Amino acid sequence: MSSPSILTTKYLVHSGWFKLLNSYRTEHLPSLEFDVEEIETRYMDVRSARQYYFDLQSASQNYKLPIEVAGNIDPLTFGSYSLALWTAPDLYTLLKVACEYCIVLGMPLDLQFYESRQGNVEIWFVTNEVGDKDGYVTNRGILLYITTLLTLLRRVCRTELDGIEVQLDSLFSENSASFQAVEKKFSCQFTSGHILRKIIFKRKSMFTSLATSEQDIHRVNMVLLREQMTELSTNNIVLRVRKALDSLDELSLANVNFVSQNMGMTARTLNRKLNEVSTHYRVVLENYKLEKALSLLSKSNLSVSIIAEKLGFSDVTAFSRAFKRWTGCTPSDYR
């Protein structure tokens, strides 16, 4: 069967996820049938990945499934992406690259990198998808994502990372056997009921050199990652919208008609293209505003009122209300 085009298929994830799942199936559930004919291609359908994971969970009834699936990761699982992480000079660089190039993994999740004023690093898991039709699978997919990242970190770090905190939203249960197993395995703290999903790493670990660091290999794979990023960015409708938003001095003009015109298409066409990847213009715009708000609040000395104006809000009250809905705290509290 031919490879799905990375330029035309709507719902794609890196086939590395299939390789992890298939390694578990081959070892533990060889009688479970699943069509993985295209597993050697770079990208595959995200809906098939979700179904595959769901089938493995149903057949195995194994609450340690995320740990055992993630345990199959190696430097080449995700090609240049995983190899660049594996050979990074330190944890800070690894996490920065993981977020900046997360589009290569193809999941409907955006990893956002934030550095607190205390120097701790937070990795935020933001989804552009609308609704939660596949909530059961999606939540377990996020847990697999987190577990895979923690497994990789354990493999590359010279010492155990202390004080890792995983914050999840109300859709997750702290009493889940799977969450408790991951928490115990990686000596991290899981809490639920938060507005945002994120992992927090302590500042003291950031610039410790990695045991697997290889400067030359890292440099080569960063070049390859940038090439992949350029190709994907050209054809990713969400990234194209974000690029159009970047060109605006203030977001008061960021309505769908104005942005679509700048992109050389009608609002109807833009909405159709976004709908094809299970999102809406409003969701993309809100995620963009959140990212910009966090950046401006943490990295600039601009007043909250000026930031509100730049983000297109009518006043500080409207901005504060939106920011609290996004993060659970006010802009002043965050700062």
Protein backbone atom coordinates (compact mmCIF):
# COMPACT_ATOMS: atom_id res chain seq x y z
CA MET A 1 0.00 0.00 0.00
CA SER A 2 1.37 3.41 -0.90
CA SER A 3 2.43 5.93 1.69
CA PRO A 4 -0.08 8.63 2.67
CA SER A 5 1.15 11.98 1.42
CA ILE A 6 2.40 14.24 4.18
CA LEU A 7 1.03 17.11 2.08
CA THR A 8 -2.53 15.93 1.50
CA THR A 9 -3.63 13.55 4.27
CA LYS A 10 -5.63 15.37 6.94
CA TYR A 11 -5.03 13.36 10.12
CA LEU A 12 -1.41 12.22 10.38
CA VAL A 13 0.88 11.08 13.16
CA HIS A 14 4.47 9.93 12.99
CA SER A 15 4.66 6.18 12.37
CA GLY A 16 6.98 5.94 15.37
CA TRP A 17 3.84 5.75 17.50
CA PHE A 18 2.73 2.70 15.53
CA LYS A 19 6.16 1.13 15.95
CA LEU A 20 5.91 1.51 19.74
CA LEU A 21 2.40 0.02 19.78
CA ASN A 22 3.31 -2.76 17.37
CA SER A 23 6.36 -3.78 19.41
CA TYR A 24 4.08 -4.28 22.41
CA ARG A 25 1.51 -6.21 20.35
CA THR A 26 4.16 -8.49 18.85
CA GLU A 27 5.57 -9.37 22.26
CA HIS A 28 2.40 -9.57 24.37
CA LEU A 29 -0.59 -9.97 22.04
CA PRO A 30 0.64 -11.71 18.86
CA SER A 31 -2.86 -13.07 18.15
CA LEU A 32 -4.39 -9.58 18.03
CA GLU A 33 -4.91 -8.66 14.38
CA PHE A 34 -4.38 -5.11 13.19
CA ASP A 35 -3.52 -3.72 9.77
CA VAL A 36 -0.05 -2.19 10.14
CA GLU A 37 0.93 -2.61 6.51
CA GLU A 38 2.08 1.01 6.24
CA ILE A 39 4.19 1.03 9.39
CA GLU A 40 7.40 1.75 7.46
CA THR A 41 6.03 5.04 6.09
CA ARG A 42 6.79 8.26 7.92
CA TYR A 43 3.22 9.38 8.65
CA MET A 44 -0.02 7.49 9.27
CA ASP A 45 -3.65 8.24 10.14
CA VAL A 46 -4.16 9.49 13.72
CA ARG A 47 -7.55 7.79 13.92
CA SER A 48 -5.92 4.43 13.20
CA ALA A 49 -3.36 5.11 15.95
CA ARG A 50 -6.11 5.86 18.44
CA GLN A 51 -8.03 2.73 17.46
CA TYR A 52 -4.87 0.61 17.70
CA TYR A 53 -4.14 1.90 21.21
CA PHE A 54 -7.78 1.36 22.24
CA ASP A 55 -7.68 -2.22 20.92
CA LEU A 56 -4.45 -2.95 22.80
CA GLN A 57 -5.95 -1.55 26.00
CA SER A 58 -9.14 -3.58 25.59
CA ALA A 59 -7.32 -6.81 24.76
CA SER A 60 -4.63 -6.55 27.42
CA GLN A 61 -6.55 -4.93 30.31
CA ASN A 62 -3.05 -3.89 31.37
CA TYR A 63 -2.98 -0.74 33.49
CA LYS A 64 0.79 -0.52 32.88
CA LEU A 65 0.25 -0.37 29.11
CA PRO A 66 1.63 3.21 28.70
CA ILE A 67 4.83 2.25 30.55
CA GLU A 68 5.38 -0.94 28.59
CA VAL A 69 4.61 0.65 25.22
CA ALA A 70 6.87 3.64 25.92
CA GLY A 71 9.60 1.25 27.08
CA ASN A 72 10.21 0.32 23.43
CA ILE A 73 11.49 3.78 22.49
CA ASP A 74 15.01 4.06 21.09
CA PRO A 75 17.00 6.88 19.43
CA LEU A 76 15.51 6.12 15.99
CA THR A 77 11.84 5.64 16.93
CA PHE A 78 10.87 9.08 15.61
CA GLY A 79 13.75 9.52 13.19
CA SER A 80 15.61 12.82 13.34
CA TYR A 81 13.29 14.11 16.07
CA SER A 82 14.10 11.45 18.67
CA LEU A 83 17.77 11.33 17.64
CA ALA A 84 18.11 15.11 18.08
CA LEU A 85 16.60 14.79 21.58
CA TRP A 86 18.77 11.80 22.46
CA THR A 87 21.99 13.60 21.52
CA ALA A 88 21.13 17.06 22.93
CA PRO A 89 23.77 18.64 25.19
CA ASP A 90 21.48 19.14 28.21
CA LEU A 91 17.92 18.78 29.46
CA TYR A 92 17.05 22.41 28.70
CA THR A 93 17.98 22.00 25.03
CA LEU A 94 16.18 18.66 24.81
CA LEU A 95 12.90 20.11 26.12
CA LYS A 96 13.22 23.22 23.97
CA VAL A 97 13.73 21.14 20.80
CA ALA A 98 10.92 18.74 21.79
CA CYS A 99 8.47 21.65 21.91
CA GLU A 100 9.75 23.68 18.96
CA TYR A 101 9.62 20.73 16.57
CA CYS A 102 6.68 18.80 18.03
CA ILE A 103 4.81 19.17 14.73
CA VAL A 104 7.11 16.44 13.38
CA LEU A 105 5.33 13.93 15.65
CA GLY A 106 2.12 14.82 13.86
CA MET A 107 -0.15 14.55 16.89
CA PRO A 108 -3.07 16.99 17.33
CA LEU A 109 -1.19 18.38 20.31
CA ASP A 110 1.00 21.43 20.52
CA LEU A 111 3.82 21.34 23.06
CA GLN A 112 4.54 24.82 24.40
CA PHE A 113 7.72 25.66 26.31
CA TYR A 114 7.58 28.16 29.18
CA GLU A 115 10.20 29.23 31.65
CA SER A 116 8.95 30.55 34.99
CA ARG A 117 10.57 33.44 36.80
CA GLN A 118 12.00 30.87 39.21
CA GLY A 119 13.77 29.18 36.29
CA ASN A 120 11.55 26.08 36.26
CA VAL A 121 10.55 24.80 32.82
CA GLU A 122 6.94 23.98 32.02
CA ILE A 123 5.84 21.91 29.02
CA TRP A 124 2.19 22.69 28.20
CA PHE A 125 0.02 20.26 26.22
CA VAL A 126 -2.41 22.32 24.13
CA THR A 127 -4.85 20.75 21.70
CA ASN A 128 -6.35 22.48 18.67
CA GLU A 129 -9.03 19.81 18.32
CA VAL A 130 -12.65 20.77 18.97
CA GLY A 131 -14.69 18.63 21.34
CA ASP A 132 -13.76 15.37 23.00
CA LYS A 133 -15.47 12.73 20.87
CA ASP A 134 -12.60 10.30 21.46
CA GLY A 135 -11.98 11.36 25.07
CA TYR A 136 -11.14 7.90 26.40
CA VAL A 137 -8.53 7.30 23.73
CA THR A 138 -7.31 10.89 23.65
CA ASN A 139 -6.64 11.05 27.40
CA ARG A 140 -4.77 7.79 27.29
CA GLY A 141 -2.91 9.09 24.26
CA ILE A 142 -1.78 12.09 26.28
CA LEU A 143 -0.67 9.77 29.08
CA LEU A 144 1.29 7.72 26.53
CA TYR A 145 2.87 10.93 25.21
CA ILE A 146 3.90 11.96 28.74
CA THR A 147 5.16 8.47 29.59
CA THR A 148 7.19 8.30 26.37
CA LEU A 149 8.85 11.63 27.14
CA LEU A 150 9.62 10.56 30.73
CA THR A 151 11.04 7.25 29.48
CA LEU A 152 13.31 9.06 27.03
CA LEU A 153 14.51 11.41 29.79
CA ARG A 154 15.33 8.51 32.08
CA ARG A 155 17.42 6.92 29.30
CA VAL A 156 19.46 10.04 28.53
CA CYS A 157 19.96 11.65 31.96
CA ARG A 158 22.96 10.75 34.06
CA THR A 159 20.98 10.94 37.31
CA GLU A 160 17.35 10.61 38.41
CA LEU A 161 15.32 13.78 37.83
CA ASP A 162 13.77 14.95 41.09
CA GLY A 163 10.64 17.01 41.63
CA ILE A 164 8.88 16.41 38.31
CA GLU A 165 5.23 17.45 38.58
CA VAL A 166 2.53 16.45 36.10
CA GLN A 167 -0.65 18.54 36.17
CA LEU A 168 -3.70 17.26 34.31
CA ASP A 169 -7.24 18.52 33.84
CA SER A 170 -10.47 17.27 35.40
CA LEU A 171 -10.92 14.58 32.71
CA PHE A 172 -8.15 12.60 34.40
CA SER A 173 -8.51 10.71 37.67
CA GLU A 174 -5.68 10.64 40.20
CA ASN A 175 -7.03 7.28 41.37
CA SER A 176 -6.49 5.67 37.97
CA ALA A 177 -4.19 2.64 38.24
CA SER A 178 -2.40 3.75 35.06
CA PHE A 179 -1.59 7.20 36.47
CA GLN A 180 -0.46 5.75 39.77
CA ALA A 181 1.79 3.28 37.95
CA VAL A 182 3.44 6.06 35.90
CA GLU A 183 3.78 8.22 39.01
CA LYS A 184 5.54 5.41 40.87
CA LYS A 185 7.72 4.40 37.91
CA PHE A 186 9.16 7.88 37.36
CA SER A 187 8.99 9.22 40.93
CA CYS A 188 6.89 12.16 39.81
CA GLN A 189 3.76 13.74 41.24
CA PHE A 190 0.46 13.55 39.33
CA THR A 191 -2.42 15.89 40.20
CA SER A 192 -5.69 16.44 38.34
CA GLY A 193 -8.37 19.11 38.28
CA HIS A 194 -6.14 21.76 36.66
CA ILE A 195 -7.25 23.91 33.73
CA LEU A 196 -4.07 23.20 31.77
CA ARG A 197 -2.14 20.00 31.16
CA LYS A 198 1.57 20.42 31.79
CA ILE A 199 4.79 18.92 33.11
CA ILE A 200 6.99 21.01 35.42
CA PHE A 201 10.74 20.43 35.63
CA LYS A 202 12.89 21.98 38.34
CA ARG A 203 15.52 24.57 37.45
CA LYS A 204 18.40 22.66 39.09
CA SER A 205 18.20 19.91 36.45
CA MET A 206 18.11 22.13 33.37
CA PHE A 207 21.76 22.40 32.40
CA THR A 208 23.09 19.04 33.52
CA SER A 209 24.86 17.39 30.59
CA LEU A 210 23.17 14.30 29.17
CA ALA A 211 24.85 10.89 29.18
CA THR A 212 23.97 10.40 25.51
CA SER A 213 25.05 13.81 24.24
CA GLU A 214 26.79 13.76 20.84
CA GLN A 215 27.39 17.23 19.45
CA ASP A 216 28.00 16.29 15.80
CA ILE A 217 25.01 13.92 15.57
CA HIS A 218 22.79 16.49 17.26
CA ARG A 219 23.85 19.22 14.82
CA VAL A 220 23.16 17.05 11.75
CA ASN A 221 19.73 16.01 12.97
CA MET A 222 18.78 19.58 13.83
CA VAL A 223 19.42 20.47 10.17
CA LEU A 224 17.15 17.60 9.10
CA LEU A 225 14.48 18.68 11.60
CA ARG A 226 14.49 22.24 10.26
CA GLU A 227 14.01 20.91 6.73
CA GLN A 228 11.06 18.77 7.86
CA MET A 229 9.62 21.72 9.77
CA THR A 230 9.78 23.94 6.68
CA GLU A 231 7.99 21.32 4.58
CA LEU A 232 5.30 20.72 7.18
CA SER A 233 4.80 24.40 7.98
CA THR A 234 4.13 25.23 4.33
CA ASN A 235 1.25 22.77 4.22
CA ASN A 236 -0.10 22.88 7.77
CA ILE A 237 -3.18 25.11 7.83
CA VAL A 238 -2.95 25.83 11.57
CA LEU A 239 0.67 26.98 11.25
CA ARG A 240 -0.28 29.10 8.24
CA VAL A 241 -2.94 30.84 10.31
CA ARG A 242 -0.44 31.44 13.10
CA LYS A 243 2.02 32.91 10.60
CA ALA A 244 -0.69 35.27 9.34
CA LEU A 245 -1.40 36.31 12.93
CA ASP A 246 2.33 36.94 13.47
CA SER A 247 2.21 39.59 10.74
CA LEU A 248 -0.34 41.69 12.65
CA ASP A 249 0.87 44.45 14.97
CA GLU A 250 -2.28 44.13 17.07
CA LEU A 251 -4.81 41.32 17.18
CA SER A 252 -7.83 43.62 17.11
CA LEU A 253 -7.83 42.97 13.34
CA ALA A 254 -7.61 39.21 13.78
CA ASN A 255 -11.10 38.32 12.62
CA VAL A 256 -11.51 35.38 10.26
CA ASN A 257 -12.37 37.55 7.25
CA PHE A 258 -9.28 39.75 7.56
CA VAL A 259 -6.89 36.85 8.24
CA SER A 260 -8.28 34.64 5.46
CA GLN A 261 -7.94 37.52 2.99
CA ASN A 262 -4.27 37.93 3.98
CA MET A 263 -3.84 34.21 3.37
CA GLY A 264 -5.26 34.51 -0.13
CA MET A 265 -8.52 32.64 0.44
CA THR A 266 -12.10 33.26 1.52
CA ALA A 267 -13.24 32.87 5.10
CA ARG A 268 -15.40 29.96 3.98
CA THR A 269 -12.37 28.16 2.50
CA LEU A 270 -10.28 28.78 5.61
CA ASN A 271 -13.04 27.50 7.87
CA ARG A 272 -13.42 24.40 5.70
CA LYS A 273 -9.70 23.66 5.81
CA LEU A 274 -9.62 24.06 9.59
CA ASN A 275 -12.70 21.89 9.97
CA GLU A 276 -10.90 19.18 8.00
CA VAL A 277 -8.32 18.96 10.80
CA SER A 278 -10.99 19.01 13.54
CA THR A 279 -10.54 22.59 14.66
CA HIS A 280 -12.07 26.07 14.28
CA TYR A 281 -10.57 29.50 13.70
CA ARG A 282 -11.68 30.60 17.19
CA VAL A 283 -9.74 27.74 18.83
CA VAL A 284 -6.55 28.49 16.88
CA LEU A 285 -6.85 32.22 17.68
CA GLU A 286 -7.41 31.61 21.40
CA ASN A 287 -4.43 29.26 21.63
CA TYR A 288 -2.32 31.84 19.81
CA LYS A 289 -3.46 34.61 22.19
CA LEU A 290 -2.69 32.41 25.18
CA GLU A 291 0.84 31.72 23.94
CA LYS A 292 1.47 35.42 23.25
CA ALA A 293 -0.01 36.47 26.60
CA LEU A 294 2.24 34.10 28.52
CA SER A 295 5.29 35.24 26.58
CA LEU A 296 4.59 38.95 27.05
CA LEU A 297 3.77 38.55 30.74
CA SER A 298 6.93 36.58 31.49
CA LYS A 299 9.45 38.17 29.13
CA SER A 300 8.47 41.84 28.88
CA ASN A 301 7.87 44.77 31.21
CA LEU A 302 4.75 45.87 29.34
CA SER A 303 1.78 46.73 31.52
CA VAL A 304 -1.21 44.38 31.56
CA SER A 305 -3.29 47.07 29.83
CA ILE A 306 -0.81 47.34 26.94
CA ILE A 307 -0.68 43.55 26.61
CA ALA A 308 -4.48 43.43 26.56
CA GLU A 309 -4.50 46.01 23.75
CA LYS A 310 -1.88 44.09 21.73
CA LEU A 311 -3.93 40.91 22.02
CA GLY A 312 -7.05 42.63 20.72
CA PHE A 313 -9.07 42.83 23.93
CA SER A 314 -11.37 45.79 24.50
CA ASP A 315 -10.04 46.38 28.02
CA VAL A 316 -8.07 44.82 30.88
CA THR A 317 -11.18 43.27 32.39
CA ALA A 318 -11.95 41.31 29.22
CA PHE A 319 -8.32 40.16 29.00
CA SER A 320 -8.23 39.13 32.67
CA ARG A 321 -11.46 37.18 32.29
CA ALA A 322 -10.13 35.31 29.25
CA PHE A 323 -6.73 34.65 30.83
CA LYS A 324 -8.31 33.21 33.98
CA ARG A 325 -10.48 30.94 31.82
CA TRP A 326 -7.35 29.73 30.00
CA THR A 327 -4.99 29.29 32.94
CA GLY A 328 -6.97 29.46 36.20
CA CYS A 329 -5.25 32.64 37.39
CA THR A 330 -5.24 36.34 36.54
CA PRO A 331 -2.48 37.98 34.45
CA SER A 332 -1.18 39.76 37.56
CA ASP A 333 -1.08 36.53 39.57
CA TYR A 334 0.77 34.76 36.76
CA ARG A 335 3.32 37.55 36.56
